[in-house]
């Protein structure tokens, strides 16, 4: 079900970006989908808007994760130890 929402949202978003169509297209597509698949519910105009929103929200988050994320070649602990300066004698700083 999620994959279907993702695919339809991707298709609708791509068509909207390419063609620049408005609300009437979603209404016509909704009627066509209901006629083509009468046993499947969920092809209302509002649901198609939700599909587009679902695709756009999670696609932007996935894109952000892909661009920001850097591969970790070593363990996070070794990277932390490498970047952190550790005082070998912390007890010398204590005042008596």
PDB file of N, CA and C in Angstrom:
ATOM      1  N   UNK A   1       0.826  -1.185   0.000  1.00  0.00           N
ATOM      2  CA  UNK A   1       0.000   0.000   0.000  1.00  0.00           C
ATOM      3  C   UNK A   1       0.877   1.258   0.000  1.00  0.00           C
ATOM      4  N   UNK A   2       1.907   1.265   0.859  1.00  0.00           N
ATOM      5  CA  UNK A   2       2.799   2.425   0.894  1.00  0.00           C
ATOM      6  C   UNK A   2       3.524   2.603  -0.430  1.00  0.00           C
ATOM      7  N   UNK A   3       3.934   1.485  -1.008  1.00  0.00           N
ATOM      8  CA  UNK A   3       4.632   1.556  -2.297  1.00  0.00           C
ATOM      9  C   UNK A   3       3.709   2.125  -3.373  1.00  0.00           C
ATOM     10  N   UNK A   4       2.439   1.741  -3.339  1.00  0.00           N
ATOM     11  CA  UNK A   4       1.488   2.268  -4.314  1.00  0.00           C
ATOM     12  C   UNK A   4       1.313   3.776  -4.116  1.00  0.00           C
ATOM     13  N   UNK A   5       1.166   4.224  -2.856  1.00  0.00           N
ATOM     14  CA  UNK A   5       1.048   5.656  -2.577  1.00  0.00           C
ATOM     15  C   UNK A   5       2.298   6.395  -3.055  1.00  0.00           C
ATOM     16  N   UNK A   6       3.468   5.808  -2.792  1.00  0.00           N
ATOM     17  CA  UNK A   6       4.733   6.428  -3.204  1.00  0.00           C
ATOM     18  C   UNK A   6       4.790   6.556  -4.723  1.00  0.00           C
ATOM     19  N   UNK A   7       4.482   5.473  -5.438  1.00  0.00           N
ATOM     20  CA  UNK A   7       4.562   5.479  -6.902  1.00  0.00           C
ATOM     21  C   UNK A   7       3.568   6.452  -7.526  1.00  0.00           C
ATOM     22  N   UNK A   8       2.327   6.451  -7.024  1.00  0.00           N
ATOM     23  CA  UNK A   8       1.329   7.375  -7.572  1.00  0.00           C
ATOM     24  C   UNK A   8       1.708   8.810  -7.242  1.00  0.00           C
ATOM     25  N   UNK A   9       2.183   9.058  -6.020  1.00  0.00           N
ATOM     26  CA  UNK A   9       2.623  10.402  -5.653  1.00  0.00           C
ATOM     27  C   UNK A   9       3.784  10.880  -6.497  1.00  0.00           C
ATOM     28  N   UNK A  10       4.719   9.976  -6.788  1.00  0.00           N
ATOM     29  CA  UNK A  10       5.856  10.316  -7.653  1.00  0.00           C
ATOM     30  C   UNK A  10       5.382  10.652  -9.068  1.00  0.00           C
ATOM     31  N   UNK A  11       4.452   9.840  -9.584  1.00  0.00           N
ATOM     32  CA  UNK A  11       3.926  10.073 -10.926  1.00  0.00           C
ATOM     33  C   UNK A  11       3.189  11.415 -10.999  1.00  0.00           C
ATOM     34  N   UNK A  12       2.336  11.676 -10.008  1.00  0.00           N
ATOM     35  CA  UNK A  12       1.564  12.918 -10.002  1.00  0.00           C
ATOM     36  C   UNK A  12       2.476  14.137  -9.846  1.00  0.00           C
ATOM     37  N   UNK A  13       3.468  14.035  -8.980  1.00  0.00           N
ATOM     38  CA  UNK A  13       4.401  15.149  -8.775  1.00  0.00           C
ATOM     39  C   UNK A  13       5.218  15.410 -10.029  1.00  0.00           C
ATOM     40  N   UNK A  14       5.683  14.344 -10.672  1.00  0.00           N
ATOM     41  CA  UNK A  14       6.437  14.504 -11.918  1.00  0.00           C
ATOM     42  C   UNK A  14       5.602  15.129 -13.011  1.00  0.00           C
ATOM     43  N   UNK A  15       4.354  14.696 -13.125  1.00  0.00           N
ATOM     44  CA  UNK A  15       3.462  15.271 -14.135  1.00  0.00           C
ATOM     45  C   UNK A  15       3.164  16.732 -13.838  1.00  0.00           C
ATOM     46  N   UNK A  16       2.975  17.044 -12.572  1.00  0.00           N
ATOM     47  CA  UNK A  16       2.681  18.421 -12.200  1.00  0.00           C
ATOM     48  C   UNK A  16       3.878  19.330 -12.506  1.00  0.00           C
ATOM     49  N   UNK A  17       5.077  18.856 -12.244  1.00  0.00           N
ATOM     50  CA  UNK A  17       6.269  19.661 -12.518  1.00  0.00           C
ATOM     51  C   UNK A  17       6.481  19.832 -14.019  1.00  0.00           C
ATOM     52  N   UNK A  18       6.195  18.783 -14.783  1.00  0.00           N
ATOM     53  CA  UNK A  18       6.419  18.846 -16.224  1.00  0.00           C
ATOM     54  C   UNK A  18       5.335  19.641 -16.946  1.00  0.00           C
ATOM     55  N   UNK A  19       4.089  19.390 -16.584  1.00  0.00           N
ATOM     56  CA  UNK A  19       2.973  19.993 -17.306  1.00  0.00           C
ATOM     57  C   UNK A  19       2.432  21.253 -16.667  1.00  0.00           C
ATOM     58  N   UNK A  20       2.578  21.381 -15.355  1.00  0.00           N
ATOM     59  CA  UNK A  20       2.051  22.539 -14.662  1.00  0.00           C
ATOM     60  C   UNK A  20       0.537  22.570 -14.631  1.00  0.00           C
ATOM     61  N   UNK A  21      -0.090  21.415 -14.484  1.00  0.00           N
ATOM     62  CA  UNK A  21      -1.544  21.383 -14.484  1.00  0.00           C
ATOM     63  C   UNK A  21      -2.105  21.676 -13.117  1.00  0.00           C
ATOM     64  N   UNK A  22      -3.427  21.922 -13.086  1.00  0.00           N
ATOM     65  CA  UNK A  22      -4.083  22.327 -11.849  1.00  0.00           C
ATOM     66  C   UNK A  22      -5.038  21.293 -11.311  1.00  0.00           C
ATOM     67  N   UNK A  23      -6.019  21.733 -10.573  1.00  0.00           N
ATOM     68  CA  UNK A  23      -6.955  20.875  -9.848  1.00  0.00           C
ATOM     69  C   UNK A  23      -7.825  20.040 -10.782  1.00  0.00           C
ATOM     70  N   UNK A  24      -8.189  20.543 -11.923  1.00  0.00           N
ATOM     71  CA  UNK A  24      -9.072  19.808 -12.842  1.00  0.00           C
ATOM     72  C   UNK A  24      -8.453  18.490 -13.287  1.00  0.00           C
ATOM     73  N   UNK A  25      -7.157  18.464 -13.434  1.00  0.00           N
ATOM     74  CA  UNK A  25      -6.500  17.234 -13.860  1.00  0.00           C
ATOM     75  C   UNK A  25      -6.625  16.160 -12.791  1.00  0.00           C
ATOM     76  N   UNK A  26      -6.468  16.551 -11.533  1.00  0.00           N
ATOM     77  CA  UNK A  26      -6.640  15.576 -10.458  1.00  0.00           C
ATOM     78  C   UNK A  26      -8.066  15.039 -10.422  1.00  0.00           C
ATOM     79  N   UNK A  27      -9.036  15.900 -10.661  1.00  0.00           N
ATOM     80  CA  UNK A  27     -10.438  15.448 -10.674  1.00  0.00           C
ATOM     81  C   UNK A  27     -10.685  14.455 -11.798  1.00  0.00           C
ATOM     82  N   UNK A  28     -10.159  14.749 -12.988  1.00  0.00           N
ATOM     83  CA  UNK A  28     -10.335  13.822 -14.120  1.00  0.00           C
ATOM     84  C   UNK A  28      -9.611  12.511 -13.859  1.00  0.00           C
ATOM     85  N   UNK A  29      -8.408  12.599 -13.325  1.00  0.00           N
ATOM     86  CA  UNK A  29      -7.637  11.390 -13.037  1.00  0.00           C
ATOM     87  C   UNK A  29      -8.330  10.551 -11.965  1.00  0.00           C
ATOM     88  N   UNK A  30      -8.922  11.207 -10.993  1.00  0.00           N
ATOM     89  CA  UNK A  30      -9.649  10.507  -9.947  1.00  0.00           C
ATOM     90  C   UNK A  30     -10.817   9.716 -10.533  1.00  0.00           C
ATOM     91  N   UNK A  31     -11.577  10.335 -11.406  1.00  0.00           N
ATOM     92  CA  UNK A  31     -12.708   9.656 -12.052  1.00  0.00           C
ATOM     93  C   UNK A  31     -12.200   8.498 -12.916  1.00  0.00           C
ATOM     94  N   UNK A  32     -11.133   8.721 -13.670  1.00  0.00           N
ATOM     95  CA  UNK A  32     -10.574   7.660 -14.516  1.00  0.00           C
ATOM     96  C   UNK A  32     -10.101   6.467 -13.685  1.00  0.00           C
ATOM     97  N   UNK A  33      -9.424   6.741 -12.565  1.00  0.00           N
ATOM     98  CA  UNK A  33      -8.917   5.651 -11.720  1.00  0.00           C
ATOM     99  C   UNK A  33     -10.066   4.883 -11.077  1.00  0.00           C
ATOM    100  N   UNK A  34     -11.109   5.597 -10.655  1.00  0.00           N
ATOM    101  CA  UNK A  34     -12.275   4.928 -10.065  1.00  0.00           C
ATOM    102  C   UNK A  34     -12.976   4.052 -11.094  1.00  0.00           C
ATOM    103  N   UNK A  35     -13.048   4.504 -12.338  1.00  0.00           N
ATOM    104  CA  UNK A  35     -13.675   3.701 -13.394  1.00  0.00           C
ATOM    105  C   UNK A  35     -12.801   2.519 -13.798  1.00  0.00           C
ATOM    106  N   UNK A  36     -11.499   2.726 -13.819  1.00  0.00           N
ATOM    107  CA  UNK A  36     -10.563   1.666 -14.218  1.00  0.00           C
ATOM    108  C   UNK A  36     -10.457   0.575 -13.155  1.00  0.00           C
ATOM    109  N   UNK A  37     -10.457   0.972 -11.894  1.00  0.00           N
ATOM    110  CA  UNK A  37     -10.310   0.034 -10.776  1.00  0.00           C
ATOM    111  C   UNK A  37     -11.491   0.206  -9.808  1.00  0.00           C
ATOM    112  N   UNK A  38     -12.675  -0.284 -10.174  1.00  0.00           N
ATOM    113  CA  UNK A  38     -13.866  -0.045  -9.343  1.00  0.00           C
ATOM    114  C   UNK A  38     -13.827  -0.738  -7.980  1.00  0.00           C
ATOM    115  N   UNK A  39     -13.070  -1.810  -7.850  1.00  0.00           N
ATOM    116  CA  UNK A  39     -13.017  -2.539  -6.575  1.00  0.00           C
ATOM    117  C   UNK A  39     -12.025  -1.920  -5.582  1.00  0.00           C
ATOM    118  N   UNK A  40     -11.155  -1.078  -6.060  1.00  0.00           N
ATOM    119  CA  UNK A  40     -10.155  -0.447  -5.194  1.00  0.00           C
ATOM    120  C   UNK A  40     -10.641   0.942  -4.805  1.00  0.00           C
ATOM    121  N   UNK A  41     -10.655   1.198  -3.513  1.00  0.00           N
ATOM    122  CA  UNK A  41     -11.068   2.505  -3.029  1.00  0.00           C
ATOM    123  C   UNK A  41      -9.829   3.350  -2.730  1.00  0.00           C
ATOM    124  N   UNK A  42     -10.027   4.664  -2.645  1.00  0.00           N
ATOM    125  CA  UNK A  42      -8.930   5.541  -2.250  1.00  0.00           C
ATOM    126  C   UNK A  42      -8.399   6.426  -3.354  1.00  0.00           C
ATOM    127  N   UNK A  43      -9.131   6.558  -4.446  1.00  0.00           N
ATOM    128  CA  UNK A  43      -8.668   7.398  -5.549  1.00  0.00           C
ATOM    129  C   UNK A  43      -9.426   8.722  -5.625  1.00  0.00           C
ATOM    130  N   UNK A  44      -9.778   9.259  -4.469  1.00  0.00           N
ATOM    131  CA  UNK A  44     -10.429  10.572  -4.461  1.00  0.00           C
ATOM    132  C   UNK A  44      -9.377  11.653  -4.711  1.00  0.00           C
ATOM    133  N   UNK A  45      -9.841  12.833  -5.037  1.00  0.00           N
ATOM    134  CA  UNK A  45      -8.930  13.949  -5.283  1.00  0.00           C
ATOM    135  C   UNK A  45      -8.096  14.220  -4.037  1.00  0.00           C
ATOM    136  N   UNK A  46      -8.748  14.200  -2.884  1.00  0.00           N
ATOM    137  CA  UNK A  46      -8.037  14.478  -1.630  1.00  0.00           C
ATOM    138  C   UNK A  46      -6.977  13.418  -1.361  1.00  0.00           C
ATOM    139  N   UNK A  47      -7.291  12.148  -1.598  1.00  0.00           N
ATOM    140  CA  UNK A  47      -6.299  11.089  -1.392  1.00  0.00           C
ATOM    141  C   UNK A  47      -5.116  11.246  -2.344  1.00  0.00           C
ATOM    142  N   UNK A  48      -5.381  11.667  -3.566  1.00  0.00           N
ATOM    143  CA  UNK A  48      -4.277  11.892  -4.506  1.00  0.00           C
ATOM    144  C   UNK A  48      -3.408  13.060  -4.048  1.00  0.00           C
ATOM    145  N   UNK A  49      -4.032  14.058  -3.450  1.00  0.00           N
ATOM    146  CA  UNK A  49      -3.234  15.151  -2.884  1.00  0.00           C
ATOM    147  C   UNK A  49      -2.384  14.637  -1.721  1.00  0.00           C
ATOM    148  N   UNK A  50      -2.947  13.734  -0.918  1.00  0.00           N
ATOM    149  CA  UNK A  50      -2.175  13.125   0.165  1.00  0.00           C
ATOM    150  C   UNK A  50      -1.014  12.288  -0.382  1.00  0.00           C
ATOM    151  N   UNK A  51      -1.257  11.588  -1.483  1.00  0.00           N
ATOM    152  CA  UNK A  51      -0.190  10.795  -2.097  1.00  0.00           C
ATOM    153  C   UNK A  51       0.956  11.685  -2.551  1.00  0.00           C
ATOM    154  N   UNK A  52       0.604  12.813  -3.150  1.00  0.00           N
ATOM    155  CA  UNK A  52       1.642  13.754  -3.584  1.00  0.00           C
ATOM    156  C   UNK A  52       2.386  14.327  -2.375  1.00  0.00           C
ATOM    157  N   UNK A  53       1.656  14.654  -1.333  1.00  0.00           N
ATOM    158  CA  UNK A  53       2.284  15.197  -0.127  1.00  0.00           C
ATOM    159  C   UNK A  53       3.195  14.152   0.510  1.00  0.00           C
ATOM    160  N   UNK A  54       2.727  12.907   0.577  1.00  0.00           N
ATOM    161  CA  UNK A  54       3.533  11.812   1.122  1.00  0.00           C
ATOM    162  C   UNK A  54       4.840  11.676   0.356  1.00  0.00           C
ATOM    163  N   UNK A  55       4.753  11.644  -0.955  1.00  0.00           N
ATOM    164  CA  UNK A  55       5.958  11.522  -1.779  1.00  0.00           C
ATOM    165  C   UNK A  55       6.888  12.717  -1.577  1.00  0.00           C
ATOM    166  N   UNK A  56       6.342  13.929  -1.620  1.00  0.00           N
ATOM    167  CA  UNK A  56       7.180  15.126  -1.506  1.00  0.00           C
ATOM    168  C   UNK A  56       7.855  15.236  -0.147  1.00  0.00           C
ATOM    169  N   UNK A  57       7.138  14.926   0.927  1.00  0.00           N
ATOM    170  CA  UNK A  57       7.709  15.034   2.268  1.00  0.00           C
ATOM    171  C   UNK A  57       8.846  14.038   2.463  1.00  0.00           C
ATOM    172  N   UNK A  58       8.580  12.781   2.171  1.00  0.00           N
ATOM    173  CA  UNK A  58       9.589  11.768   2.433  1.00  0.00           C
ATOM    174  C   UNK A  58      10.684  11.755   1.386  1.00  0.00           C
ATOM    175  N   UNK A  59      10.397  12.167   0.178  1.00  0.00           N
ATOM    176  CA  UNK A  59      11.434  12.256  -0.836  1.00  0.00           C
ATOM    177  C   UNK A  59      12.438  13.335  -0.462  1.00  0.00           C
ATOM    178  N   UNK A  60      11.962  14.473   0.049  1.00  0.00           N
ATOM    179  CA  UNK A  60      12.886  15.541   0.448  1.00  0.00           C
ATOM    180  C   UNK A  60      13.723  15.106   1.639  1.00  0.00           C
ATOM    181  N   UNK A  61      13.133  14.362   2.584  1.00  0.00           N
ATOM    182  CA  UNK A  61      13.897  13.884   3.725  1.00  0.00           C
ATOM    183  C   UNK A  61      14.936  12.854   3.301  1.00  0.00           C
ATOM    184  N   UNK A  62      14.564  11.943   2.412  1.00  0.00           N
ATOM    185  CA  UNK A  62      15.519  10.942   1.945  1.00  0.00           C
ATOM    186  C   UNK A  62      16.634  11.586   1.154  1.00  0.00           C
ATOM    187  N   UNK A  63      16.317  12.584   0.345  1.00  0.00           N
ATOM    188  CA  UNK A  63      17.338  13.287  -0.414  1.00  0.00           C
ATOM    189  C   UNK A  63      18.291  14.002   0.525  1.00  0.00           C
ATOM    190  N   UNK A  64      17.751  14.614   1.580  1.00  0.00           N
ATOM    191  CA  UNK A  64      18.583  15.316   2.539  1.00  0.00           C
ATOM    192  C   UNK A  64      19.511  14.335   3.257  1.00  0.00           C
ATOM    193  N   UNK A  65      19.011  13.176   3.628  1.00  0.00           N
ATOM    194  CA  UNK A  65      19.830  12.184   4.309  1.00  0.00           C
ATOM    195  C   UNK A  65      20.931  11.678   3.388  1.00  0.00           C
ATOM    196  N   UNK A  66      20.610  11.482   2.113  1.00  0.00           N
ATOM    197  CA  UNK A  66      21.612  10.993   1.168  1.00  0.00           C
ATOM    198  C   UNK A  66      22.728  12.005   0.954  1.00  0.00           C
ATOM    199  N   UNK A  67      22.409  13.294   0.913  1.00  0.00           N
ATOM    200  CA  UNK A  67      23.436  14.296   0.642  1.00  0.00           C
ATOM    201  C   UNK A  67      24.233  14.648   1.884  1.00  0.00           C
ATOM    202  N   UNK A  68      23.601  14.627   3.050  1.00  0.00           N
ATOM    203  CA  UNK A  68      24.300  15.005   4.274  1.00  0.00           C
ATOM    204  C   UNK A  68      25.112  13.844   4.828  1.00  0.00           C
ATOM    205  N   UNK A  69      24.574  12.661   4.736  1.00  0.00           N
ATOM    206  CA  UNK A  69      25.220  11.498   5.331  1.00  0.00           C
ATOM    207  C   UNK A  69      26.573  11.208   4.702  1.00  0.00           C
ATOM    208  N   UNK A  70      27.550  10.971   5.551  1.00  0.00           N
ATOM    209  CA  UNK A  70      28.867  10.597   5.061  1.00  0.00           C
ATOM    210  C   UNK A  70      29.158   9.182   5.520  1.00  0.00           C
ATOM    211  N   UNK A  71      29.830   8.421   4.702  1.00  0.00           N
ATOM    212  CA  UNK A  71      30.119   7.050   5.112  1.00  0.00           C
ATOM    213  C   UNK A  71      31.104   7.017   6.274  1.00  0.00           C
ATOM    214  N   UNK A  72      30.857   6.132   7.213  1.00  0.00           N
ATOM    215  CA  UNK A  72      31.754   5.977   8.353  1.00  0.00           C
ATOM    216  C   UNK A  72      32.717   4.851   8.018  1.00  0.00           C
ATOM    217  N   UNK A  73      33.983   5.184   7.968  1.00  0.00           N
ATOM    218  CA  UNK A  73      34.970   4.169   7.623  1.00  0.00           C
ATOM    219  C   UNK A  73      35.525   3.487   8.861  1.00  0.00           C
ATOM    220  N   UNK A  74      35.489   4.173   9.997  1.00  0.00           N
ATOM    221  CA  UNK A  74      35.938   3.591  11.252  1.00  0.00           C
ATOM    222  C   UNK A  74      34.789   3.646  12.239  1.00  0.00           C
ATOM    223  N   UNK A  75      34.975   3.002  13.355  1.00  0.00           N
ATOM    224  CA  UNK A  75      33.917   3.020  14.359  1.00  0.00           C
ATOM    225  C   UNK A  75      33.749   4.424  14.922  1.00  0.00           C
ATOM    226  N   UNK A  76      32.555   4.781  15.336  1.00  0.00           N
ATOM    227  CA  UNK A  76      32.325   6.114  15.901  1.00  0.00           C
ATOM    228  C   UNK A  76      33.173   6.380  17.140  1.00  0.00           C
ATOM    229  N   UNK A  77      33.468   5.344  17.923  1.00  0.00           N
ATOM    230  CA  UNK A  77      34.283   5.518  19.132  1.00  0.00           C
ATOM    231  C   UNK A  77      35.707   5.911  18.753  1.00  0.00           C
ATOM    232  N   UNK A  78      36.269   5.270  17.741  1.00  0.00           N
ATOM    233  CA  UNK A  78      37.629   5.618  17.340  1.00  0.00           C
ATOM    234  C   UNK A  78      37.680   7.023  16.757  1.00  0.00           C
ATOM    235  N   UNK A  79      36.641   7.445  16.055  1.00  0.00           N
ATOM    236  CA  UNK A  79      36.608   8.806  15.540  1.00  0.00           C
ATOM    237  C   UNK A  79      36.483   9.811  16.668  1.00  0.00           C
ATOM    238  N   UNK A  80      35.693   9.480  17.688  1.00  0.00           N
ATOM    239  CA  UNK A  80      35.546  10.366  18.837  1.00  0.00           C
ATOM    240  C   UNK A  80      36.871  10.489  19.575  1.00  0.00           C
ATOM    241  N   UNK A  81      37.549   9.372  19.804  1.00  0.00           N
ATOM    242  CA  UNK A  81      38.835   9.398  20.494  1.00  0.00           C
ATOM    243  C   UNK A  81      39.880  10.165  19.697  1.00  0.00           C
ATOM    244  N   UNK A  82      39.828  10.075  18.399  1.00  0.00           N
ATOM    245  CA  UNK A  82      40.787  10.765  17.547  1.00  0.00           C
ATOM    246  C   UNK A  82      40.598  12.282  17.621  1.00  0.00           C
ATOM    247  N   UNK A  83      39.342  12.732  17.707  1.00  0.00           N
ATOM    248  CA  UNK A  83      39.045  14.157  17.693  1.00  0.00           C
ATOM    249  C   UNK A  83      38.982  14.783  19.079  1.00  0.00           C
ATOM    250  N   UNK A  84      39.067  13.994  20.126  1.00  0.00           N
ATOM    251  CA  UNK A  84      38.946  14.510  21.479  1.00  0.00           C
ATOM    252  C   UNK A  84      40.309  14.504  22.157  1.00  0.00           C
ATOM    253  N   UNK A  85      40.661  15.636  22.727  1.00  0.00           N
ATOM    254  CA  UNK A  85      41.923  15.728  23.456  1.00  0.00           C
ATOM    255  C   UNK A  85      41.659  15.297  24.886  1.00  0.00           C
ATOM    256  N   UNK A  86      42.366  14.299  25.332  1.00  0.00           N
ATOM    257  CA  UNK A  86      42.170  13.753  26.660  1.00  0.00           C
ATOM    258  C   UNK A  86      43.348  14.150  27.527  1.00  0.00           C
ATOM    259  N   UNK A  87      43.050  14.696  28.688  1.00  0.00           N
ATOM    260  CA  UNK A  87      44.092  15.059  29.635  1.00  0.00           C
ATOM    261  C   UNK A  87      44.554  13.795  30.352  1.00  0.00           C
ATOM    262  N   UNK A  88      45.853  13.504  30.277  1.00  0.00           N
ATOM    263  CA  UNK A  88      46.370  12.279  30.871  1.00  0.00           C
ATOM    264  C   UNK A  88      46.386  12.349  32.396  1.00  0.00           C
ATOM    265  N   UNK A  89      46.516  13.553  32.942  1.00  0.00           N
ATOM    266  CA  UNK A  89      46.613  13.708  34.387  1.00  0.00           C
ATOM    267  C   UNK A  89      45.560  14.689  34.903  1.00  0.00           C
ATOM    268  N   UNK A  90      44.295  14.317  34.900  1.00  0.00           N
ATOM    269  CA  UNK A  90      43.256  15.264  35.318  1.00  0.00           C
ATOM    270  C   UNK A  90      43.324  15.593  36.810  1.00  0.00           C
ATOM    271  N   UNK A  91      43.894  14.698  37.595  1.00  0.00           N
ATOM    272  CA  UNK A  91      43.954  14.925  39.034  1.00  0.00           C
ATOM    273  C   UNK A  91      44.916  16.048  39.403  1.00  0.00           C
ATOM    274  N   UNK A  92      45.845  16.417  38.518  1.00  0.00           N
ATOM    275  CA  UNK A  92      46.787  17.487  38.817  1.00  0.00           C
ATOM    276  C   UNK A  92      46.104  18.852  38.824  1.00  0.00           C
ATOM    277  N   UNK A  93      44.955  18.965  38.168  1.00  0.00           N
ATOM    278  CA  UNK A  93      44.236  20.233  38.096  1.00  0.00           C
ATOM    279  C   UNK A  93      43.417  20.484  39.359  1.00  0.00           C
ATOM    280  N   UNK A  94      43.216  19.470  40.157  1.00  0.00           N
ATOM    281  CA  UNK A  94      42.427  19.628  41.377  1.00  0.00           C
ATOM    282  C   UNK A  94      43.199  20.452  42.388  1.00  0.00           C
ATOM    283  N   UNK A  95      42.542  21.353  43.068  1.00  0.00           N
ATOM    284  CA  UNK A  95      43.178  22.159  44.097  1.00  0.00           C
ATOM    285  C   UNK A  95      42.921  21.527  45.437  1.00  0.00           C
ATOM    286  N   UNK A  96      43.916  21.587  46.284  1.00  0.00           N
ATOM    287  CA  UNK A  96      43.755  21.016  47.621  1.00  0.00           C
ATOM    288  C   UNK A  96      43.524  22.081  48.628  1.00  0.00           C
TER     289      UNK A  96
END
